[in-house]
Amino acid sequence: MVFRADTLSQGVGVLKAMFLPSAGAAAVNADVYALFSPLTLVAFAFALLLSTPVVRVIGQKAAAAGKGEACRYVSCAGALALFAVSVLWLAASSYNPFIYFRF
């Protein structure tokens, strides 16, 4: 869309319309703000943190301290706990893609 703008000011206007809330689109803004629940923001913060090399650095420091095996067990337990929470959340939600999940 930006490349269709004839001038730089039109291109900036397109970018503003795409990323900044405007007064004329109150219904759209309400829908977008409804997506930003506290759970979504926490998940985004964790995703942002874990997309950095933090986990790798912690693993290297644990391996250097001789606690690599314990770190591996904690990692497996964390993955299993996350899976269990995801399954429970899916089963408790109003939308369930598995039609016979509760039977």
C-alpha atoms as a PDB file:
ATOM      1  CA  MET A   1       0.000   0.000   0.000  1.00  0.00           C
ATOM      2  CA  VAL A   2       2.837   2.390   0.769  1.00  0.00           C
ATOM      3  CA  PHE A   3       4.308   1.942  -2.691  1.00  0.00           C
ATOM      4  CA  ARG A   4       1.100   3.188  -4.307  1.00  0.00           C
ATOM      5  CA  ALA A   5       1.476   6.593  -2.646  1.00  0.00           C
ATOM      6  CA  ASP A   6       2.578   9.345  -5.006  1.00  0.00           C
ATOM      7  CA  THR A   7       4.328  11.460  -2.390  1.00  0.00           C
ATOM      8  CA  LEU A   8       6.151  10.859   0.855  1.00  0.00           C
ATOM      9  CA  SER A   9       3.393  12.579   2.835  1.00  0.00           C
ATOM     10  CA  GLN A  10       0.808  10.203   1.354  1.00  0.00           C
ATOM     11  CA  GLY A  11       3.009   7.247   2.286  1.00  0.00           C
ATOM     12  CA  VAL A  12       3.309   8.516   5.862  1.00  0.00           C
ATOM     13  CA  GLY A  13      -0.466   8.980   5.925  1.00  0.00           C
ATOM     14  CA  VAL A  14      -0.967   5.359   4.863  1.00  0.00           C
ATOM     15  CA  LEU A  15       1.392   4.168   7.602  1.00  0.00           C
ATOM     16  CA  LYS A  16      -0.435   6.298  10.185  1.00  0.00           C
ATOM     17  CA  ALA A  17      -3.769   4.850   9.088  1.00  0.00           C
ATOM     18  CA  MET A  18      -2.376   1.323   9.396  1.00  0.00           C
ATOM     19  CA  PHE A  19      -0.733   1.585  12.817  1.00  0.00           C
ATOM     20  CA  LEU A  20      -2.318   4.452  14.755  1.00  0.00           C
ATOM     21  CA  PRO A  21      -5.890   4.404  16.039  1.00  0.00           C
ATOM     22  CA  SER A  22      -8.149   6.929  14.385  1.00  0.00           C
ATOM     23  CA  ALA A  23     -11.321   8.576  15.620  1.00  0.00           C
ATOM     24  CA  GLY A  24     -13.318   7.558  12.556  1.00  0.00           C
ATOM     25  CA  ALA A  25     -12.856   3.832  13.056  1.00  0.00           C
ATOM     26  CA  ALA A  26     -14.147   3.408  16.602  1.00  0.00           C
ATOM     27  CA  ALA A  27     -15.667  -0.023  15.938  1.00  0.00           C
ATOM     28  CA  VAL A  28     -12.440  -1.326  14.459  1.00  0.00           C
ATOM     29  CA  ASN A  29     -10.426   0.138  17.333  1.00  0.00           C
ATOM     30  CA  ALA A  30     -12.719  -1.535  19.873  1.00  0.00           C
ATOM     31  CA  ASP A  31     -12.220  -4.902  18.156  1.00  0.00           C
ATOM     32  CA  VAL A  32      -8.461  -4.471  18.106  1.00  0.00           C
ATOM     33  CA  TYR A  33      -8.326  -3.393  21.762  1.00  0.00           C
ATOM     34  CA  ALA A  34     -10.475  -6.400  22.721  1.00  0.00           C
ATOM     35  CA  LEU A  35      -7.748  -8.674  21.362  1.00  0.00           C
ATOM     36  CA  PHE A  36      -5.206  -7.221  23.789  1.00  0.00           C
ATOM     37  CA  SER A  37      -6.334  -9.015  26.933  1.00  0.00           C
ATOM     38  CA  PRO A  38      -3.906  -9.356  29.856  1.00  0.00           C
ATOM     39  CA  LEU A  39      -3.348 -12.999  28.902  1.00  0.00           C
ATOM     40  CA  THR A  40      -2.419 -12.007  25.354  1.00  0.00           C
ATOM     41  CA  LEU A  41      -0.028  -9.327  26.564  1.00  0.00           C
ATOM     42  CA  VAL A  42       1.675 -11.729  29.011  1.00  0.00           C
ATOM     43  CA  ALA A  43       2.001 -14.371  26.283  1.00  0.00           C
ATOM     44  CA  PHE A  44       3.462 -11.755  23.933  1.00  0.00           C
ATOM     45  CA  ALA A  45       5.957 -10.653  26.609  1.00  0.00           C
ATOM     46  CA  PHE A  46       7.074 -14.261  27.189  1.00  0.00           C
ATOM     47  CA  ALA A  47       7.337 -14.846  23.442  1.00  0.00           C
ATOM     48  CA  LEU A  48       9.418 -11.711  23.072  1.00  0.00           C
ATOM     49  CA  LEU A  49      11.713 -12.740  25.932  1.00  0.00           C
ATOM     50  CA  LEU A  50      12.110 -16.334  24.788  1.00  0.00           C
ATOM     51  CA  SER A  51      12.818 -15.338  21.190  1.00  0.00           C
ATOM     52  CA  THR A  52      16.129 -13.929  22.392  1.00  0.00           C
ATOM     53  CA  PRO A  53      19.168 -16.087  23.237  1.00  0.00           C
ATOM     54  CA  VAL A  54      18.289 -15.955  26.961  1.00  0.00           C
ATOM     55  CA  VAL A  55      17.365 -19.649  27.164  1.00  0.00           C
ATOM     56  CA  ARG A  56      20.535 -20.711  25.362  1.00  0.00           C
ATOM     57  CA  VAL A  57      22.718 -18.603  27.665  1.00  0.00           C
ATOM     58  CA  ILE A  58      21.009 -19.999  30.768  1.00  0.00           C
ATOM     59  CA  GLY A  59      21.489 -23.544  29.436  1.00  0.00           C
ATOM     60  CA  GLN A  60      25.170 -22.902  28.767  1.00  0.00           C
ATOM     61  CA  LYS A  61      25.703 -21.491  32.260  1.00  0.00           C
ATOM     62  CA  ALA A  62      23.879 -24.448  33.808  1.00  0.00           C
ATOM     63  CA  ALA A  63      25.983 -26.900  31.793  1.00  0.00           C
ATOM     64  CA  ALA A  64      29.156 -25.090  32.836  1.00  0.00           C
ATOM     65  CA  ALA A  65      28.088 -25.331  36.499  1.00  0.00           C
ATOM     66  CA  GLY A  66      27.458 -29.074  36.125  1.00  0.00           C
ATOM     67  CA  LYS A  67      23.680 -28.784  36.298  1.00  0.00           C
ATOM     68  CA  GLY A  68      22.922 -29.581  32.671  1.00  0.00           C
ATOM     69  CA  GLU A  69      21.024 -32.773  33.510  1.00  0.00           C
ATOM     70  CA  ALA A  70      18.788 -30.969  36.019  1.00  0.00           C
ATOM     71  CA  CYS A  71      18.162 -28.225  33.469  1.00  0.00           C
ATOM     72  CA  ARG A  72      17.054 -30.847  30.956  1.00  0.00           C
ATOM     73  CA  TYR A  73      14.599 -32.359  33.472  1.00  0.00           C
ATOM     74  CA  VAL A  74      13.198 -28.932  34.313  1.00  0.00           C
ATOM     75  CA  SER A  75      12.791 -28.205  30.602  1.00  0.00           C
ATOM     76  CA  CYS A  76      10.893 -31.460  30.017  1.00  0.00           C
ATOM     77  CA  ALA A  77       8.709 -30.896  33.087  1.00  0.00           C
ATOM     78  CA  GLY A  78       7.940 -27.352  31.936  1.00  0.00           C
ATOM     79  CA  ALA A  79       6.958 -28.549  28.460  1.00  0.00           C
ATOM     80  CA  LEU A  80       4.734 -31.237  29.953  1.00  0.00           C
ATOM     81  CA  ALA A  81       3.089 -28.729  32.309  1.00  0.00           C
ATOM     82  CA  LEU A  82       2.506 -26.307  29.439  1.00  0.00           C
ATOM     83  CA  PHE A  83       0.916 -29.109  27.403  1.00  0.00           C
ATOM     84  CA  ALA A  84      -1.344 -30.092  30.319  1.00  0.00           C
ATOM     85  CA  VAL A  85      -2.454 -26.494  30.867  1.00  0.00           C
ATOM     86  CA  SER A  86      -3.153 -26.129  27.138  1.00  0.00           C
ATOM     87  CA  VAL A  87      -5.292 -29.280  27.078  1.00  0.00           C
ATOM     88  CA  LEU A  88      -7.211 -28.178  30.185  1.00  0.00           C
ATOM     89  CA  TRP A  89      -7.752 -24.709  28.734  1.00  0.00           C
ATOM     90  CA  LEU A  90      -8.968 -26.210  25.468  1.00  0.00           C
ATOM     91  CA  ALA A  91     -11.374 -28.542  27.274  1.00  0.00           C
ATOM     92  CA  ALA A  92     -12.787 -25.723  29.407  1.00  0.00           C
ATOM     93  CA  SER A  93     -13.245 -23.176  26.631  1.00  0.00           C
ATOM     94  CA  SER A  94     -16.583 -22.534  24.972  1.00  0.00           C
ATOM     95  CA  TYR A  95     -15.183 -23.321  21.527  1.00  0.00           C
ATOM     96  CA  ASN A  96     -13.874 -26.855  21.300  1.00  0.00           C
ATOM     97  CA  PRO A  97     -12.625 -28.140  17.940  1.00  0.00           C
ATOM     98  CA  PHE A  98     -12.719 -31.727  19.228  1.00  0.00           C
ATOM     99  CA  ILE A  99     -16.369 -32.679  19.069  1.00  0.00           C
ATOM    100  CA  TYR A 100     -16.087 -35.764  21.311  1.00  0.00           C
ATOM    101  CA  PHE A 101     -13.309 -34.508  23.576  1.00  0.00           C
ATOM    102  CA  ARG A 102     -15.350 -34.663  26.781  1.00  0.00           C
ATOM    103  CA  PHE A 103     -16.742 -38.162  26.243  1.00  0.00           C
END
